[in-house]
N, C-alpha and C. Protein backbone atom coordinates (compact mmCIF):
# COMPACT_ATOMS: atom_id res chain seq x y z
N VAL A 1 -91.06 13.34 -30.08
CA VAL A 1 -90.99 14.84 -31.05
C VAL A 1 -89.97 15.68 -30.59
N GLN A 2 -89.39 16.44 -31.51
CA GLN A 2 -88.19 17.27 -31.64
C GLN A 2 -88.61 18.85 -32.26
N LEU A 3 -88.65 19.84 -31.27
CA LEU A 3 -88.91 21.13 -32.08
C LEU A 3 -87.60 21.70 -32.23
N VAL A 4 -87.85 22.70 -33.42
CA VAL A 4 -86.90 23.69 -33.43
C VAL A 4 -87.19 25.06 -34.21
N GLU A 5 -86.76 25.94 -33.37
CA GLU A 5 -87.40 27.42 -33.47
C GLU A 5 -86.12 28.17 -34.58
N SER A 6 -87.13 28.86 -35.37
CA SER A 6 -85.97 29.93 -36.39
C SER A 6 -86.90 31.31 -36.34
N GLY A 7 -85.90 32.16 -37.08
CA GLY A 7 -86.75 33.54 -37.45
C GLY A 7 -86.28 34.41 -36.17
N GLY A 8 -86.10 34.33 -35.25
CA GLY A 8 -85.37 35.23 -34.44
C GLY A 8 -84.47 35.96 -35.01
N GLY A 9 -84.25 37.62 -34.02
CA GLY A 9 -83.47 38.61 -34.91
C GLY A 9 -83.19 39.67 -33.92
N LEU A 10 -82.61 40.81 -34.14
CA LEU A 10 -82.65 42.08 -33.63
C LEU A 10 -83.77 42.77 -34.89
N VAL A 11 -84.41 43.77 -33.91
CA VAL A 11 -85.82 44.81 -34.41
C VAL A 11 -85.58 45.72 -34.39
N GLN A 12 -86.09 46.77 -34.67
CA GLN A 12 -86.18 47.97 -34.02
C GLN A 12 -87.55 47.98 -33.55
N ALA A 13 -87.76 48.70 -31.91
CA ALA A 13 -89.39 48.67 -32.01
C ALA A 13 -90.54 49.36 -32.90
N GLY A 14 -91.67 48.38 -33.12
CA GLY A 14 -92.39 48.84 -33.95
C GLY A 14 -92.81 47.69 -35.02
N GLY A 15 -91.37 47.13 -35.00
CA GLY A 15 -91.23 46.28 -36.29
C GLY A 15 -91.82 45.30 -36.14
N SER A 16 -91.61 44.41 -37.10
CA SER A 16 -92.16 42.66 -36.81
C SER A 16 -91.02 41.84 -37.33
N LEU A 17 -91.43 40.36 -36.48
CA LEU A 17 -90.50 38.94 -37.00
C LEU A 17 -91.66 38.30 -36.71
N ARG A 18 -91.34 37.05 -37.63
CA ARG A 18 -91.96 34.97 -37.27
C ARG A 18 -90.86 34.55 -37.35
N LEU A 19 -91.24 33.52 -35.85
CA LEU A 19 -90.63 32.78 -35.77
C LEU A 19 -91.60 31.55 -35.93
N SER A 20 -90.41 30.53 -36.63
CA SER A 20 -91.12 29.20 -37.19
C SER A 20 -90.99 28.01 -36.01
N CYS A 21 -91.89 27.00 -35.67
CA CYS A 21 -91.36 25.86 -35.01
C CYS A 21 -91.92 24.58 -36.06
N ALA A 22 -90.67 24.08 -36.18
CA ALA A 22 -90.69 22.93 -37.19
C ALA A 22 -90.71 21.96 -35.92
N ALA A 23 -92.08 20.81 -36.36
CA ALA A 23 -91.99 19.67 -35.63
C ALA A 23 -91.87 18.67 -36.30
N SER A 24 -90.66 17.33 -35.49
CA SER A 24 -90.65 16.37 -35.91
C SER A 24 -90.90 15.42 -34.91
N GLY A 25 -90.86 13.59 -35.72
CA GLY A 25 -90.93 12.62 -34.89
C GLY A 25 -92.60 12.44 -34.63
N SER A 26 -93.12 11.95 -33.44
CA SER A 26 -94.10 11.68 -33.35
C SER A 26 -95.49 12.66 -33.50
N THR A 27 -95.90 13.51 -34.14
CA THR A 27 -96.30 14.76 -34.11
C THR A 27 -97.99 14.66 -34.02
N PHE A 28 -98.44 13.20 -34.55
CA PHE A 28 -100.07 12.79 -34.20
C PHE A 28 -100.16 13.28 -33.00
N SER A 29 -99.10 12.78 -31.96
CA SER A 29 -100.01 12.91 -31.03
C SER A 29 -99.90 14.35 -30.09
N ILE A 30 -99.48 15.02 -30.93
CA ILE A 30 -99.72 16.81 -30.01
C ILE A 30 -100.99 17.21 -30.47
N ARG A 31 -101.52 17.62 -29.47
CA ARG A 31 -102.84 17.99 -29.49
C ARG A 31 -102.90 19.65 -29.47
N ALA A 32 -101.98 20.13 -28.89
CA ALA A 32 -101.92 21.69 -28.50
C ALA A 32 -100.48 22.08 -28.33
N MET A 33 -100.34 23.18 -29.55
CA MET A 33 -98.78 23.84 -29.14
C MET A 33 -98.78 25.36 -29.37
N GLY A 34 -97.46 25.79 -28.22
CA GLY A 34 -97.50 27.08 -28.21
C GLY A 34 -96.41 27.79 -28.11
N TRP A 35 -96.54 28.79 -27.63
CA TRP A 35 -94.82 30.04 -27.83
C TRP A 35 -94.90 30.36 -26.24
N TYR A 36 -94.05 30.34 -25.52
CA TYR A 36 -93.18 30.98 -24.28
C TYR A 36 -92.10 31.78 -24.64
N ARG A 37 -91.80 32.57 -23.39
CA ARG A 37 -90.44 33.22 -23.64
C ARG A 37 -90.37 33.32 -22.41
N GLN A 38 -88.90 33.93 -22.31
CA GLN A 38 -88.09 34.08 -21.12
C GLN A 38 -87.02 35.30 -21.18
N ALA A 39 -87.37 36.10 -20.48
CA ALA A 39 -86.40 37.77 -20.12
C ALA A 39 -84.96 37.00 -19.48
N PRO A 40 -84.25 37.98 -20.12
CA PRO A 40 -83.30 37.68 -18.90
C PRO A 40 -83.80 37.99 -17.03
N GLY A 41 -83.33 37.50 -16.42
CA GLY A 41 -83.83 37.86 -14.85
C GLY A 41 -85.13 37.31 -14.47
N LYS A 42 -85.59 36.56 -15.76
CA LYS A 42 -87.22 36.48 -15.60
C LYS A 42 -87.55 35.12 -15.57
N GLN A 43 -88.73 34.73 -14.62
CA GLN A 43 -89.13 33.28 -15.46
C GLN A 43 -89.55 33.20 -16.90
N ARG A 44 -89.63 32.00 -17.16
CA ARG A 44 -90.51 31.71 -18.60
C ARG A 44 -91.88 31.92 -18.41
N GLU A 45 -92.31 32.57 -19.20
CA GLU A 45 -94.01 32.76 -19.33
C GLU A 45 -94.70 32.44 -20.76
N TRP A 46 -95.79 32.33 -20.77
CA TRP A 46 -96.31 31.48 -21.62
C TRP A 46 -97.06 33.16 -22.34
N VAL A 47 -97.12 32.35 -23.70
CA VAL A 47 -97.35 33.77 -24.87
C VAL A 47 -98.58 33.24 -25.56
N ALA A 48 -98.77 32.63 -26.28
CA ALA A 48 -99.80 31.81 -27.11
C ALA A 48 -100.09 30.58 -27.34
N THR A 49 -101.06 29.79 -27.39
CA THR A 49 -101.09 28.73 -27.74
C THR A 49 -102.33 28.56 -28.80
N ILE A 50 -102.25 27.18 -29.57
CA ILE A 50 -102.84 26.79 -30.75
C ILE A 50 -103.23 25.44 -30.58
N ILE A 51 -104.45 25.20 -30.67
CA ILE A 51 -105.23 23.86 -30.52
C ILE A 51 -104.84 23.13 -32.10
N SER A 52 -105.35 21.91 -31.69
CA SER A 52 -104.67 21.43 -33.56
C SER A 52 -105.93 21.23 -33.73
N GLY A 53 -106.99 20.44 -33.26
CA GLY A 53 -107.90 20.39 -33.61
C GLY A 53 -108.80 21.46 -34.39
N GLY A 54 -109.18 22.35 -33.83
CA GLY A 54 -110.17 23.34 -34.53
C GLY A 54 -109.69 25.01 -34.46
N GLY A 55 -108.61 24.52 -34.01
CA GLY A 55 -107.64 25.65 -34.37
C GLY A 55 -107.74 27.07 -33.50
N ASN A 56 -108.52 26.71 -32.16
CA ASN A 56 -108.73 27.69 -31.13
C ASN A 56 -107.12 28.27 -30.91
N THR A 57 -107.32 29.66 -30.54
CA THR A 57 -106.14 30.10 -29.98
C THR A 57 -106.25 31.15 -28.96
N PHE A 58 -104.99 31.36 -28.23
CA PHE A 58 -105.28 32.01 -26.90
C PHE A 58 -103.58 32.79 -26.95
N TYR A 59 -104.04 34.19 -26.04
CA TYR A 59 -102.92 35.10 -26.07
C TYR A 59 -102.91 35.34 -24.96
N ALA A 60 -101.67 35.61 -24.19
CA ALA A 60 -101.27 36.52 -23.09
C ALA A 60 -102.19 37.73 -23.30
N ASP A 61 -102.57 38.67 -22.43
CA ASP A 61 -102.68 39.64 -22.45
C ASP A 61 -101.58 40.69 -23.31
N SER A 62 -100.66 40.43 -22.57
CA SER A 62 -99.50 41.44 -23.31
C SER A 62 -98.91 41.41 -24.69
N VAL A 63 -99.56 40.25 -25.36
CA VAL A 63 -99.61 40.29 -26.92
C VAL A 63 -100.67 40.55 -27.68
N LYS A 64 -101.59 40.32 -27.26
CA LYS A 64 -103.04 39.95 -27.38
C LYS A 64 -103.46 41.41 -28.53
N GLY A 65 -103.65 40.92 -30.02
CA GLY A 65 -103.71 42.02 -30.70
C GLY A 65 -102.20 42.48 -31.25
N ARG A 66 -101.55 42.39 -31.16
CA ARG A 66 -99.90 42.09 -31.21
C ARG A 66 -99.66 40.91 -32.47
N PHE A 67 -99.70 40.19 -31.66
CA PHE A 67 -99.26 38.43 -32.36
C PHE A 67 -99.90 37.83 -32.45
N THR A 68 -100.03 37.02 -33.50
CA THR A 68 -100.81 36.12 -34.23
C THR A 68 -100.26 34.45 -34.19
N ILE A 69 -100.50 33.53 -33.68
CA ILE A 69 -100.53 31.92 -33.67
C ILE A 69 -100.84 31.45 -35.03
N SER A 70 -100.22 30.33 -35.27
CA SER A 70 -100.98 29.85 -36.34
C SER A 70 -100.07 28.48 -36.79
N ARG A 71 -100.60 27.37 -37.68
CA ARG A 71 -99.90 26.73 -37.78
C ARG A 71 -100.44 26.10 -39.21
N ASP A 72 -99.37 25.33 -39.78
CA ASP A 72 -99.38 24.48 -41.19
C ASP A 72 -98.84 23.03 -41.13
N ASN A 73 -100.61 22.22 -40.90
CA ASN A 73 -100.15 21.33 -40.35
C ASN A 73 -99.86 20.31 -41.46
N ALA A 74 -99.85 20.41 -42.66
CA ALA A 74 -99.04 20.02 -43.53
C ALA A 74 -97.27 19.81 -43.77
N ARG A 75 -97.14 21.18 -43.31
CA ARG A 75 -95.33 20.95 -43.03
C ARG A 75 -94.87 20.54 -41.46
N ASN A 76 -96.22 20.79 -40.68
CA ASN A 76 -95.86 20.37 -39.21
C ASN A 76 -94.65 21.70 -38.80
N THR A 77 -95.78 22.80 -38.99
CA THR A 77 -94.80 24.09 -38.40
C THR A 77 -95.89 24.95 -38.22
N MET A 78 -95.37 25.70 -36.75
CA MET A 78 -96.18 26.69 -36.21
C MET A 78 -95.65 27.42 -36.03
N TYR A 79 -96.18 29.08 -36.40
CA TYR A 79 -95.42 30.30 -36.57
C TYR A 79 -96.13 31.32 -35.18
N LEU A 80 -95.17 32.22 -35.22
CA LEU A 80 -95.73 33.15 -33.85
C LEU A 80 -95.48 34.87 -35.11
N GLN A 81 -95.77 35.56 -35.63
CA GLN A 81 -96.01 36.69 -36.33
C GLN A 81 -96.56 37.79 -35.13
N MET A 82 -94.73 38.45 -35.25
CA MET A 82 -95.23 39.62 -34.06
C MET A 82 -95.28 40.58 -34.42
N ASN A 83 -95.75 41.80 -34.43
CA ASN A 83 -96.09 42.85 -35.01
C ASN A 83 -96.16 44.06 -33.61
N SER A 84 -95.85 45.16 -34.38
CA SER A 84 -95.79 46.86 -33.18
C SER A 84 -95.06 45.72 -32.24
N LEU A 85 -93.82 45.76 -32.28
CA LEU A 85 -93.08 45.06 -31.58
C LEU A 85 -92.31 45.97 -30.30
N LYS A 86 -92.21 45.54 -29.07
CA LYS A 86 -91.87 46.80 -27.84
C LYS A 86 -90.32 46.22 -27.36
N PRO A 87 -89.73 46.91 -26.83
CA PRO A 87 -88.58 46.72 -26.05
C PRO A 87 -88.90 45.44 -24.99
N GLU A 88 -90.17 45.79 -24.50
CA GLU A 88 -90.19 44.80 -23.27
C GLU A 88 -90.63 42.90 -23.90
N ASP A 89 -90.77 42.81 -25.19
CA ASP A 89 -90.80 41.63 -25.97
C ASP A 89 -89.35 41.00 -26.10
N THR A 90 -88.51 41.74 -25.60
CA THR A 90 -86.91 41.02 -25.52
C THR A 90 -86.85 39.83 -24.69
N ALA A 91 -86.58 38.78 -25.26
CA ALA A 91 -87.01 37.34 -24.93
C ALA A 91 -86.03 36.40 -25.39
N VAL A 92 -85.71 35.15 -25.06
CA VAL A 92 -86.02 33.76 -25.79
C VAL A 92 -87.06 33.16 -25.77
N TYR A 93 -87.58 33.39 -27.36
CA TYR A 93 -89.07 32.47 -27.38
C TYR A 93 -88.36 31.03 -27.53
N TYR A 94 -89.55 30.15 -26.70
CA TYR A 94 -89.46 28.62 -26.96
C TYR A 94 -90.89 28.05 -27.07
N CYS A 95 -90.73 27.07 -28.15
CA CYS A 95 -91.48 26.06 -28.92
C CYS A 95 -92.26 25.46 -27.62
N ASN A 96 -93.43 24.95 -28.28
CA ASN A 96 -94.14 24.01 -26.54
C ASN A 96 -94.77 23.13 -27.11
N ALA A 97 -94.43 22.09 -27.35
CA ALA A 97 -95.94 20.75 -27.56
C ALA A 97 -95.95 19.96 -26.58
N GLY A 98 -96.84 20.05 -25.65
CA GLY A 98 -97.02 19.01 -24.10
C GLY A 98 -95.79 19.26 -23.31
N LEU A 99 -94.88 17.63 -23.03
CA LEU A 99 -93.86 17.82 -22.52
C LEU A 99 -92.63 18.17 -23.63
N TYR A 100 -92.71 18.48 -24.80
CA TYR A 100 -91.62 18.46 -25.17
C TYR A 100 -91.27 20.31 -25.36
N TRP A 101 -89.99 20.68 -25.72
CA TRP A 101 -89.57 21.66 -25.96
C TRP A 101 -88.35 22.38 -27.08
N GLY A 102 -88.41 23.25 -27.51
CA GLY A 102 -87.52 23.74 -28.53
C GLY A 102 -86.09 24.65 -28.03
N GLN A 103 -85.23 24.86 -28.55
CA GLN A 103 -83.76 25.12 -28.01
C GLN A 103 -83.80 26.81 -27.92
N GLY A 104 -84.67 27.10 -28.35
CA GLY A 104 -85.23 28.95 -28.07
C GLY A 104 -84.82 29.47 -29.37
N THR A 105 -85.43 30.60 -29.32
CA THR A 105 -84.56 31.87 -30.58
C THR A 105 -84.66 32.79 -29.66
N GLN A 106 -83.38 33.93 -29.83
CA GLN A 106 -83.13 35.20 -29.55
C GLN A 106 -84.23 36.35 -30.17
N VAL A 107 -85.15 36.89 -29.89
CA VAL A 107 -86.12 37.91 -30.07
C VAL A 107 -85.00 39.37 -28.94
N THR A 108 -84.81 40.06 -29.94
CA THR A 108 -84.26 41.35 -29.70
C THR A 108 -84.82 42.77 -29.83
N VAL A 109 -85.45 43.50 -29.20
CA VAL A 109 -86.28 44.64 -29.94
C VAL A 109 -85.37 46.02 -29.17
N SER A 110 -84.62 46.74 -29.96
CA SER A 110 -84.06 47.75 -29.54
C SER A 110 -85.35 49.36 -29.58
N SER A 111 -84.82 50.20 -28.60
CA SER A 111 -85.91 50.98 -28.78
C SER A 111 -85.27 52.31 -29.25
């Protein structure tokens, strides 16, 4: 499985960004996908997960109500819609599918 993120960038506080994660390879084996992030000097932390079957979603408390995870099964693509961004959301965001990770995409939120 290969995962490629896109959509990061620089945005002002209160703004929005949408991240994408395109999956290729043996995607039939993916049961759940998620987003993680890592800020400078901090450990990587979980952000959100979406389950392949029923589409159930789960969020970290820090992003609940502001971020929305979704997926387009036909396109093998997962998304993270991020609204009301805060400077503390600044991090490299990584796509995850089990043992597989993307290369990350930088999100920078200016105050």
